[in-house]
Full PDB file with SEQRES, HELIX, SHEET, SSBOND, CRYST1, ORIGX, SCALE, CONECT and MASTER records, all heavy atoms in Angstrom:
SEQRES   1 A   31  LYS ASN ASN ASP GLU ILE ALA ASP LEU PHE GLN SER VAL          
SEQRES   2 A   31  LEU ILE ASN ILE TRP TYR GLY LEU ARG SER PHE ARG ASN          
SEQRES   3 A   31  GLU SER GLU ILE LYS                                          
HELIX    1 AA1 ASN A    3  GLY A   20  1                                  18    
HELIX    2 AA2 LEU A   21  SER A   23  5                                   3    
CRYST1    1.000    1.000    1.000  90.00  90.00  90.00 P 1           1          
ORIGX1      1.000000  0.000000  0.000000        0.00000                         
ORIGX2      0.000000  1.000000  0.000000        0.00000                         
ORIGX3      0.000000  0.000000  1.000000        0.00000                         
SCALE1      1.000000  0.000000  0.000000        0.00000                         
SCALE2      0.000000  1.000000  0.000000        0.00000                         
SCALE3      0.000000  0.000000  1.000000        0.00000                         
ATOM      1  N   LYS A   1      16.783   6.322   2.457  1.00  0.00           N  
ATOM      2  CA  LYS A   1      17.423   6.392   3.769  1.00  0.00           C  
ATOM      3  C   LYS A   1      16.808   7.627   4.494  1.00  0.00           C  
ATOM      4  O   LYS A   1      17.029   7.773   5.644  1.00  0.00           O  
ATOM      5  CB  LYS A   1      18.939   6.675   3.656  1.00  0.00           C  
ATOM      6  CG  LYS A   1      19.612   5.419   3.103  1.00  0.00           C  
ATOM      7  CD  LYS A   1      21.111   5.764   2.887  1.00  0.00           C  
ATOM      8  CE  LYS A   1      21.752   4.620   2.220  1.00  0.00           C  
ATOM      9  NZ  LYS A   1      23.199   4.881   1.961  1.00  0.00           N  
ATOM     10  N   ASN A   2      15.998   8.454   3.760  1.00  0.00           N  
ATOM     11  CA  ASN A   2      15.489   9.728   4.370  1.00  0.00           C  
ATOM     12  C   ASN A   2      14.250   9.427   4.967  1.00  0.00           C  
ATOM     13  O   ASN A   2      13.274   8.825   4.404  1.00  0.00           O  
ATOM     14  CB  ASN A   2      15.313  10.680   3.092  1.00  0.00           C  
ATOM     15  CG  ASN A   2      14.756  11.983   3.630  1.00  0.00           C  
ATOM     16  OD1 ASN A   2      13.610  12.028   4.175  1.00  0.00           O  
ATOM     17  ND2 ASN A   2      15.560  13.077   3.459  1.00  0.00           N  
ATOM     18  N   ASN A   3      14.061   9.802   6.352  1.00  0.00           N  
ATOM     19  CA  ASN A   3      12.833   9.500   7.112  1.00  0.00           C  
ATOM     20  C   ASN A   3      11.562  10.064   6.438  1.00  0.00           C  
ATOM     21  O   ASN A   3      10.566   9.543   6.551  1.00  0.00           O  
ATOM     22  CB  ASN A   3      13.002   9.926   8.511  1.00  0.00           C  
ATOM     23  CG  ASN A   3      13.992   9.027   9.274  1.00  0.00           C  
ATOM     24  OD1 ASN A   3      14.176   7.872   8.918  1.00  0.00           O  
ATOM     25  ND2 ASN A   3      14.656   9.581  10.311  1.00  0.00           N  
ATOM     26  N   ASP A   4      11.749  11.313   5.919  1.00  0.00           N  
ATOM     27  CA  ASP A   4      10.584  11.962   5.356  1.00  0.00           C  
ATOM     28  C   ASP A   4      10.057  11.250   4.132  1.00  0.00           C  
ATOM     29  O   ASP A   4       8.916  11.049   3.875  1.00  0.00           O  
ATOM     30  CB  ASP A   4      10.874  13.329   4.995  1.00  0.00           C  
ATOM     31  CG  ASP A   4      11.051  14.336   6.253  1.00  0.00           C  
ATOM     32  OD1 ASP A   4      10.443  13.949   7.307  1.00  0.00           O  
ATOM     33  OD2 ASP A   4      11.743  15.261   6.190  1.00  0.00           O  
ATOM     34  N   GLU A   5      11.093  10.732   3.275  1.00  0.00           N  
ATOM     35  CA  GLU A   5      10.803  10.009   2.109  1.00  0.00           C  
ATOM     36  C   GLU A   5      10.118   8.683   2.446  1.00  0.00           C  
ATOM     37  O   GLU A   5       9.140   8.214   1.853  1.00  0.00           O  
ATOM     38  CB  GLU A   5      11.935   9.881   1.176  1.00  0.00           C  
ATOM     39  CG  GLU A   5      12.443  11.031   0.497  1.00  0.00           C  
ATOM     40  CD  GLU A   5      13.658  10.816  -0.435  1.00  0.00           C  
ATOM     41  OE1 GLU A   5      14.399   9.727  -0.235  1.00  0.00           O  
ATOM     42  OE2 GLU A   5      14.000  11.715  -1.137  1.00  0.00           O  
ATOM     43  N   ILE A   6      10.615   7.985   3.444  1.00  0.00           N  
ATOM     44  CA  ILE A   6      10.186   6.714   3.947  1.00  0.00           C  
ATOM     45  C   ILE A   6       8.646   6.960   4.385  1.00  0.00           C  
ATOM     46  O   ILE A   6       7.816   6.126   4.068  1.00  0.00           O  
ATOM     47  CB  ILE A   6      10.942   6.109   4.993  1.00  0.00           C  
ATOM     48  CG1 ILE A   6      12.387   5.752   4.526  1.00  0.00           C  
ATOM     49  CG2 ILE A   6      10.258   4.961   5.731  1.00  0.00           C  
ATOM     50  CD1 ILE A   6      13.412   5.410   5.652  1.00  0.00           C  
ATOM     51  N   ALA A   7       8.437   7.980   5.168  1.00  0.00           N  
ATOM     52  CA  ALA A   7       7.014   8.244   5.549  1.00  0.00           C  
ATOM     53  C   ALA A   7       6.132   8.518   4.406  1.00  0.00           C  
ATOM     54  O   ALA A   7       4.935   8.036   4.394  1.00  0.00           O  
ATOM     55  CB  ALA A   7       7.053   9.474   6.568  1.00  0.00           C  
ATOM     56  N   ASP A   8       6.605   9.274   3.427  1.00  0.00           N  
ATOM     57  CA  ASP A   8       5.801   9.524   2.210  1.00  0.00           C  
ATOM     58  C   ASP A   8       5.524   8.304   1.436  1.00  0.00           C  
ATOM     59  O   ASP A   8       4.384   8.100   0.973  1.00  0.00           O  
ATOM     60  CB  ASP A   8       6.450  10.554   1.401  1.00  0.00           C  
ATOM     61  CG  ASP A   8       6.526  11.981   1.869  1.00  0.00           C  
ATOM     62  OD1 ASP A   8       5.820  12.262   2.834  1.00  0.00           O  
ATOM     63  OD2 ASP A   8       7.320  12.785   1.344  1.00  0.00           O  
ATOM     64  N   LEU A   9       6.570   7.408   1.303  1.00  0.00           N  
ATOM     65  CA  LEU A   9       6.425   6.185   0.620  1.00  0.00           C  
ATOM     66  C   LEU A   9       5.363   5.241   1.331  1.00  0.00           C  
ATOM     67  O   LEU A   9       4.550   4.682   0.730  1.00  0.00           O  
ATOM     68  CB  LEU A   9       7.748   5.346   0.484  1.00  0.00           C  
ATOM     69  CG  LEU A   9       8.630   5.842  -0.705  1.00  0.00           C  
ATOM     70  CD1 LEU A   9      10.000   5.186  -0.483  1.00  0.00           C  
ATOM     71  CD2 LEU A   9       7.966   5.441  -1.999  1.00  0.00           C  
ATOM     72  N   PHE A  10       5.443   5.135   2.684  1.00  0.00           N  
ATOM     73  CA  PHE A  10       4.599   4.478   3.554  1.00  0.00           C  
ATOM     74  C   PHE A  10       3.160   4.907   3.271  1.00  0.00           C  
ATOM     75  O   PHE A  10       2.255   4.068   3.053  1.00  0.00           O  
ATOM     76  CB  PHE A  10       5.005   4.509   4.965  1.00  0.00           C  
ATOM     77  CG  PHE A  10       4.270   3.554   5.865  1.00  0.00           C  
ATOM     78  CD1 PHE A  10       4.788   2.356   6.138  1.00  0.00           C  
ATOM     79  CD2 PHE A  10       3.104   3.880   6.518  1.00  0.00           C  
ATOM     80  CE1 PHE A  10       4.175   1.423   6.987  1.00  0.00           C  
ATOM     81  CE2 PHE A  10       2.449   3.031   7.404  1.00  0.00           C  
ATOM     82  CZ  PHE A  10       3.040   1.801   7.616  1.00  0.00           C  
ATOM     83  N   GLN A  11       2.913   6.199   3.317  1.00  0.00           N  
ATOM     84  CA  GLN A  11       1.670   6.729   3.066  1.00  0.00           C  
ATOM     85  C   GLN A  11       1.151   6.347   1.721  1.00  0.00           C  
ATOM     86  O   GLN A  11      -0.024   6.062   1.474  1.00  0.00           O  
ATOM     87  CB  GLN A  11       1.637   8.256   3.309  1.00  0.00           C  
ATOM     88  CG  GLN A  11       0.265   8.868   3.274  1.00  0.00           C  
ATOM     89  CD  GLN A  11       0.294  10.308   3.680  1.00  0.00           C  
ATOM     90  OE1 GLN A  11       1.345  10.983   3.630  1.00  0.00           O  
ATOM     91  NE2 GLN A  11      -0.831  10.932   3.845  1.00  0.00           N  
ATOM     92  N   SER A  12       2.004   6.488   0.649  1.00  0.00           N  
ATOM     93  CA  SER A  12       1.574   6.126  -0.670  1.00  0.00           C  
ATOM     94  C   SER A  12       1.124   4.728  -0.807  1.00  0.00           C  
ATOM     95  O   SER A  12       0.153   4.384  -1.487  1.00  0.00           O  
ATOM     96  CB  SER A  12       2.709   6.450  -1.692  1.00  0.00           C  
ATOM     97  OG  SER A  12       2.956   7.818  -1.707  1.00  0.00           O  
ATOM     98  N   VAL A  13       1.875   3.817  -0.153  1.00  0.00           N  
ATOM     99  CA  VAL A  13       1.537   2.424  -0.152  1.00  0.00           C  
ATOM    100  C   VAL A  13       0.229   2.256   0.400  1.00  0.00           C  
ATOM    101  O   VAL A  13      -0.625   1.423  -0.104  1.00  0.00           O  
ATOM    102  CB  VAL A  13       2.636   1.549   0.553  1.00  0.00           C  
ATOM    103  CG1 VAL A  13       2.199   0.144   0.809  1.00  0.00           C  
ATOM    104  CG2 VAL A  13       3.984   1.671  -0.220  1.00  0.00           C  
ATOM    105  N   LEU A  14      -0.079   2.823   1.572  1.00  0.00           N  
ATOM    106  CA  LEU A  14      -1.301   2.711   2.263  1.00  0.00           C  
ATOM    107  C   LEU A  14      -2.532   3.204   1.366  1.00  0.00           C  
ATOM    108  O   LEU A  14      -3.502   2.535   1.279  1.00  0.00           O  
ATOM    109  CB  LEU A  14      -1.384   3.480   3.612  1.00  0.00           C  
ATOM    110  CG  LEU A  14      -0.393   2.894   4.715  1.00  0.00           C  
ATOM    111  CD1 LEU A  14      -0.654   3.713   6.019  1.00  0.00           C  
ATOM    112  CD2 LEU A  14      -0.667   1.457   4.987  1.00  0.00           C  
ATOM    113  N   ILE A  15      -2.180   4.281   0.705  1.00  0.00           N  
ATOM    114  CA  ILE A  15      -3.311   4.818  -0.213  1.00  0.00           C  
ATOM    115  C   ILE A  15      -3.557   3.844  -1.308  1.00  0.00           C  
ATOM    116  O   ILE A  15      -4.646   3.576  -1.635  1.00  0.00           O  
ATOM    117  CB  ILE A  15      -2.852   6.277  -0.778  1.00  0.00           C  
ATOM    118  CG1 ILE A  15      -2.896   7.257   0.345  1.00  0.00           C  
ATOM    119  CG2 ILE A  15      -3.690   6.643  -1.990  1.00  0.00           C  
ATOM    120  CD1 ILE A  15      -2.239   8.541  -0.015  1.00  0.00           C  
ATOM    121  N   ASN A  16      -2.423   3.284  -1.913  1.00  0.00           N  
ATOM    122  CA  ASN A  16      -2.652   2.342  -2.975  1.00  0.00           C  
ATOM    123  C   ASN A  16      -3.384   0.965  -2.473  1.00  0.00           C  
ATOM    124  O   ASN A  16      -4.138   0.417  -3.216  1.00  0.00           O  
ATOM    125  CB  ASN A  16      -1.326   1.996  -3.610  1.00  0.00           C  
ATOM    126  CG  ASN A  16      -0.744   3.101  -4.473  1.00  0.00           C  
ATOM    127  OD1 ASN A  16      -1.525   3.971  -4.892  1.00  0.00           O  
ATOM    128  ND2 ASN A  16       0.537   3.216  -4.636  1.00  0.00           N  
ATOM    129  N   ILE A  17      -3.113   0.587  -1.228  1.00  0.00           N  
ATOM    130  CA  ILE A  17      -3.763  -0.554  -0.739  1.00  0.00           C  
ATOM    131  C   ILE A  17      -5.254  -0.228  -0.554  1.00  0.00           C  
ATOM    132  O   ILE A  17      -6.187  -1.019  -0.946  1.00  0.00           O  
ATOM    133  CB  ILE A  17      -3.118  -0.981   0.712  1.00  0.00           C  
ATOM    134  CG1 ILE A  17      -1.767  -1.519   0.435  1.00  0.00           C  
ATOM    135  CG2 ILE A  17      -4.016  -2.003   1.401  1.00  0.00           C  
ATOM    136  CD1 ILE A  17      -0.981  -1.838   1.730  1.00  0.00           C  
ATOM    137  N   TRP A  18      -5.602   0.989  -0.020  1.00  0.00           N  
ATOM    138  CA  TRP A  18      -6.937   1.294   0.274  1.00  0.00           C  
ATOM    139  C   TRP A  18      -7.720   1.311  -1.087  1.00  0.00           C  
ATOM    140  O   TRP A  18      -8.777   0.725  -1.280  1.00  0.00           O  
ATOM    141  CB  TRP A  18      -6.969   2.703   0.819  1.00  0.00           C  
ATOM    142  CG  TRP A  18      -8.366   3.290   0.907  1.00  0.00           C  
ATOM    143  CD1 TRP A  18      -9.027   4.149   0.188  1.00  0.00           C  
ATOM    144  CD2 TRP A  18      -9.370   2.886   1.933  1.00  0.00           C  
ATOM    145  NE1 TRP A  18     -10.288   4.402   0.550  1.00  0.00           N  
ATOM    146  CE2 TRP A  18     -10.560   3.628   1.654  1.00  0.00           C  
ATOM    147  CE3 TRP A  18      -9.386   1.953   2.953  1.00  0.00           C  
ATOM    148  CZ2 TRP A  18     -11.683   3.470   2.363  1.00  0.00           C  
ATOM    149  CZ3 TRP A  18     -10.528   1.886   3.747  1.00  0.00           C  
ATOM    150  CH2 TRP A  18     -11.686   2.597   3.412  1.00  0.00           C  
ATOM    151  N   TYR A  19      -7.181   1.924  -2.044  1.00  0.00           N  
ATOM    152  CA  TYR A  19      -7.874   1.995  -3.381  1.00  0.00           C  
ATOM    153  C   TYR A  19      -7.851   0.662  -4.106  1.00  0.00           C  
ATOM    154  O   TYR A  19      -8.798   0.342  -4.937  1.00  0.00           O  
ATOM    155  CB  TYR A  19      -7.229   3.046  -4.349  1.00  0.00           C  
ATOM    156  CG  TYR A  19      -7.636   4.461  -3.947  1.00  0.00           C  
ATOM    157  CD1 TYR A  19      -6.689   5.359  -3.568  1.00  0.00           C  
ATOM    158  CD2 TYR A  19      -8.966   4.878  -3.820  1.00  0.00           C  
ATOM    159  CE1 TYR A  19      -7.003   6.686  -3.141  1.00  0.00           C  
ATOM    160  CE2 TYR A  19      -9.274   6.083  -3.492  1.00  0.00           C  
ATOM    161  CZ  TYR A  19      -8.354   7.059  -3.128  1.00  0.00           C  
ATOM    162  OH  TYR A  19      -8.679   8.311  -2.767  1.00  0.00           O  
ATOM    163  N   GLY A  20      -6.902  -0.285  -3.809  1.00  0.00           N  
ATOM    164  CA  GLY A  20      -6.852  -1.467  -4.440  1.00  0.00           C  
ATOM    165  C   GLY A  20      -7.808  -2.569  -3.745  1.00  0.00           C  
ATOM    166  O   GLY A  20      -7.975  -3.619  -4.326  1.00  0.00           O  
ATOM    167  N   LEU A  21      -8.201  -2.203  -2.518  1.00  0.00           N  
ATOM    168  CA  LEU A  21      -9.059  -3.230  -1.856  1.00  0.00           C  
ATOM    169  C   LEU A  21     -10.284  -3.779  -2.606  1.00  0.00           C  
ATOM    170  O   LEU A  21     -10.674  -4.901  -2.594  1.00  0.00           O  
ATOM    171  CB  LEU A  21      -9.534  -2.690  -0.509  1.00  0.00           C  
ATOM    172  CG  LEU A  21      -8.540  -2.786   0.642  1.00  0.00           C  
ATOM    173  CD1 LEU A  21      -9.180  -2.094   1.867  1.00  0.00           C  
ATOM    174  CD2 LEU A  21      -8.120  -4.157   0.917  1.00  0.00           C  
ATOM    175  N   ARG A  22     -10.921  -2.822  -3.423  1.00  0.00           N  
ATOM    176  CA  ARG A  22     -12.122  -3.244  -4.144  1.00  0.00           C  
ATOM    177  C   ARG A  22     -11.749  -4.153  -5.308  1.00  0.00           C  
ATOM    178  O   ARG A  22     -12.520  -4.929  -5.740  1.00  0.00           O  
ATOM    179  CB  ARG A  22     -12.785  -1.999  -4.620  1.00  0.00           C  
ATOM    180  CG  ARG A  22     -12.183  -1.156  -5.624  1.00  0.00           C  
ATOM    181  CD  ARG A  22     -12.965   0.022  -6.109  1.00  0.00           C  
ATOM    182  NE  ARG A  22     -12.205   1.016  -6.824  1.00  0.00           N  
ATOM    183  CZ  ARG A  22     -11.711   2.110  -6.304  1.00  0.00           C  
ATOM    184  NH1 ARG A  22     -11.899   2.363  -5.099  1.00  0.00           N  
ATOM    185  NH2 ARG A  22     -10.959   2.926  -6.973  1.00  0.00           N  
ATOM    186  N   SER A  23     -10.542  -4.198  -5.766  1.00  0.00           N  
ATOM    187  CA  SER A  23     -10.056  -5.013  -6.784  1.00  0.00           C  
ATOM    188  C   SER A  23      -9.420  -6.288  -6.300  1.00  0.00           C  
ATOM    189  O   SER A  23      -9.026  -7.174  -7.123  1.00  0.00           O  
ATOM    190  CB  SER A  23      -9.259  -4.315  -7.852  1.00  0.00           C  
ATOM    191  OG  SER A  23      -8.026  -3.909  -7.249  1.00  0.00           O  
ATOM    192  N   PHE A  24      -9.209  -6.382  -4.977  1.00  0.00           N  
ATOM    193  CA  PHE A  24      -8.568  -7.634  -4.519  1.00  0.00           C  
ATOM    194  C   PHE A  24      -9.473  -8.883  -4.648  1.00  0.00           C  
ATOM    195  O   PHE A  24     -10.659  -8.775  -4.144  1.00  0.00           O  
ATOM    196  CB  PHE A  24      -8.160  -7.465  -3.050  1.00  0.00           C  
ATOM    197  CG  PHE A  24      -7.494  -8.706  -2.461  1.00  0.00           C  
ATOM    198  CD1 PHE A  24      -6.236  -9.061  -2.940  1.00  0.00           C  
ATOM    199  CD2 PHE A  24      -8.067  -9.411  -1.493  1.00  0.00           C  
ATOM    200  CE1 PHE A  24      -5.587 -10.183  -2.461  1.00  0.00           C  
ATOM    201  CE2 PHE A  24      -7.386 -10.503  -0.878  1.00  0.00           C  
ATOM    202  CZ  PHE A  24      -6.195 -10.956  -1.248  1.00  0.00           C  
ATOM    203  N   ARG A  25      -8.976  -9.877  -5.338  1.00  0.00           N  
ATOM    204  CA  ARG A  25      -9.854 -10.956  -5.648  1.00  0.00           C  
ATOM    205  C   ARG A  25      -9.589 -12.271  -4.905  1.00  0.00           C  
ATOM    206  O   ARG A  25     -10.011 -13.334  -5.296  1.00  0.00           O  
ATOM    207  CB  ARG A  25      -9.677 -11.237  -7.175  1.00  0.00           C  
ATOM    208  CG  ARG A  25     -10.249 -10.118  -8.053  1.00  0.00           C  
ATOM    209  CD  ARG A  25     -10.027 -10.423  -9.543  1.00  0.00           C  
ATOM    210  NE  ARG A  25      -8.666 -10.857  -9.846  1.00  0.00           N  
ATOM    211  CZ  ARG A  25      -7.800 -10.090 -10.471  1.00  0.00           C  
ATOM    212  NH1 ARG A  25      -8.152  -8.816 -10.726  1.00  0.00           N  
ATOM    213  NH2 ARG A  25      -6.601 -10.593 -10.764  1.00  0.00           N  
ATOM    214  N   ASN A  26      -8.750 -12.225  -3.846  1.00  0.00           N  
ATOM    215  CA  ASN A  26      -8.372 -13.407  -3.034  1.00  0.00           C  
ATOM    216  C   ASN A  26      -7.754 -14.513  -3.854  1.00  0.00           C  
ATOM    217  O   ASN A  26      -7.875 -15.633  -3.454  1.00  0.00           O  
ATOM    218  CB  ASN A  26      -9.619 -13.844  -2.223  1.00  0.00           C  
ATOM    219  CG  ASN A  26     -10.034 -13.071  -1.174  1.00  0.00           C  
ATOM    220  OD1 ASN A  26      -9.050 -12.527  -0.358  1.00  0.00           O  
ATOM    221  ND2 ASN A  26     -11.323 -12.804  -0.932  1.00  0.00           N  
ATOM    222  N   GLU A  27      -7.086 -14.200  -4.944  1.00  0.00           N  
ATOM    223  CA  GLU A  27      -6.464 -15.149  -5.747  1.00  0.00           C  
ATOM    224  C   GLU A  27      -5.009 -15.498  -5.225  1.00  0.00           C  
ATOM    225  O   GLU A  27      -4.464 -16.473  -5.499  1.00  0.00           O  
ATOM    226  CB  GLU A  27      -6.247 -14.630  -7.133  1.00  0.00           C  
ATOM    227  CG  GLU A  27      -7.590 -14.639  -7.982  1.00  0.00           C  
ATOM    228  CD  GLU A  27      -7.453 -13.984  -9.311  1.00  0.00           C  
ATOM    229  OE1 GLU A  27      -6.345 -13.656  -9.688  1.00  0.00           O  
ATOM    230  OE2 GLU A  27      -8.479 -13.852 -10.004  1.00  0.00           O  
ATOM    231  N   SER A  28      -4.525 -14.641  -4.258  1.00  0.00           N  
ATOM    232  CA  SER A  28      -3.243 -14.851  -3.665  1.00  0.00           C  
ATOM    233  C   SER A  28      -3.504 -14.431  -2.112  1.00  0.00           C  
ATOM    234  O   SER A  28      -4.559 -13.917  -1.837  1.00  0.00           O  
ATOM    235  CB  SER A  28      -2.161 -14.053  -4.204  1.00  0.00           C  
ATOM    236  OG  SER A  28      -2.373 -12.637  -4.049  1.00  0.00           O  
ATOM    237  N   GLU A  29      -2.526 -14.779  -1.272  1.00  0.00           N  
ATOM    238  CA  GLU A  29      -2.642 -14.298   0.074  1.00  0.00           C  
ATOM    239  C   GLU A  29      -2.614 -12.761   0.198  1.00  0.00           C  
ATOM    240  O   GLU A  29      -1.878 -12.178  -0.668  1.00  0.00           O  
ATOM    241  CB  GLU A  29      -1.482 -14.811   0.842  1.00  0.00           C  
ATOM    242  CG  GLU A  29      -1.554 -16.312   1.088  1.00  0.00           C  
ATOM    243  CD  GLU A  29      -0.397 -16.884   2.047  1.00  0.00           C  
ATOM    244  OE1 GLU A  29      -0.101 -16.087   3.048  1.00  0.00           O  
ATOM    245  OE2 GLU A  29       0.156 -17.880   1.732  1.00  0.00           O  
ATOM    246  N   ILE A  30      -3.226 -12.265   1.159  1.00  0.00           N  
ATOM    247  CA  ILE A  30      -3.220 -10.816   1.301  1.00  0.00           C  
ATOM    248  C   ILE A  30      -1.827 -10.208   1.491  1.00  0.00           C  
ATOM    249  O   ILE A  30      -1.523  -9.166   1.024  1.00  0.00           O  
ATOM    250  CB  ILE A  30      -4.221 -10.353   2.511  1.00  0.00           C  
ATOM    251  CG1 ILE A  30      -4.490  -8.859   2.420  1.00  0.00           C  
ATOM    252  CG2 ILE A  30      -3.600 -10.716   3.801  1.00  0.00           C  
ATOM    253  CD1 ILE A  30      -5.403  -8.420   1.402  1.00  0.00           C  
ATOM    254  N   LYS A  31      -0.951 -10.991   2.130  1.00  0.00           N  
ATOM    255  CA  LYS A  31       0.353 -10.555   2.390  1.00  0.00           C  
ATOM    256  C   LYS A  31       1.190 -10.441   1.107  1.00  0.00           C  
ATOM    257  O   LYS A  31       1.918  -9.475   0.855  1.00  0.00           O  
ATOM    258  CB  LYS A  31       1.012 -11.594   3.329  1.00  0.00           C  
ATOM    259  CG  LYS A  31       2.494 -11.248   3.814  1.00  0.00           C  
ATOM    260  CD  LYS A  31       2.811 -12.256   4.829  1.00  0.00           C  
ATOM    261  CE  LYS A  31       4.152 -11.754   5.526  1.00  0.00           C  
ATOM    262  NZ  LYS A  31       4.574 -12.765   6.529  1.00  0.00           N  
TER     263      LYS A  31                                                      
MASTER        0    0    0    2    0    0    0    6  262    1    0    3          
END                                                                             
């Protein structure tokens, strides 16, 4: 519920997506 934590989580998700892009194999939808 904390806006700062939400922002931190959002940023962590984006970082994980960025690093995971090279291993994305199109076996499922990107969504």
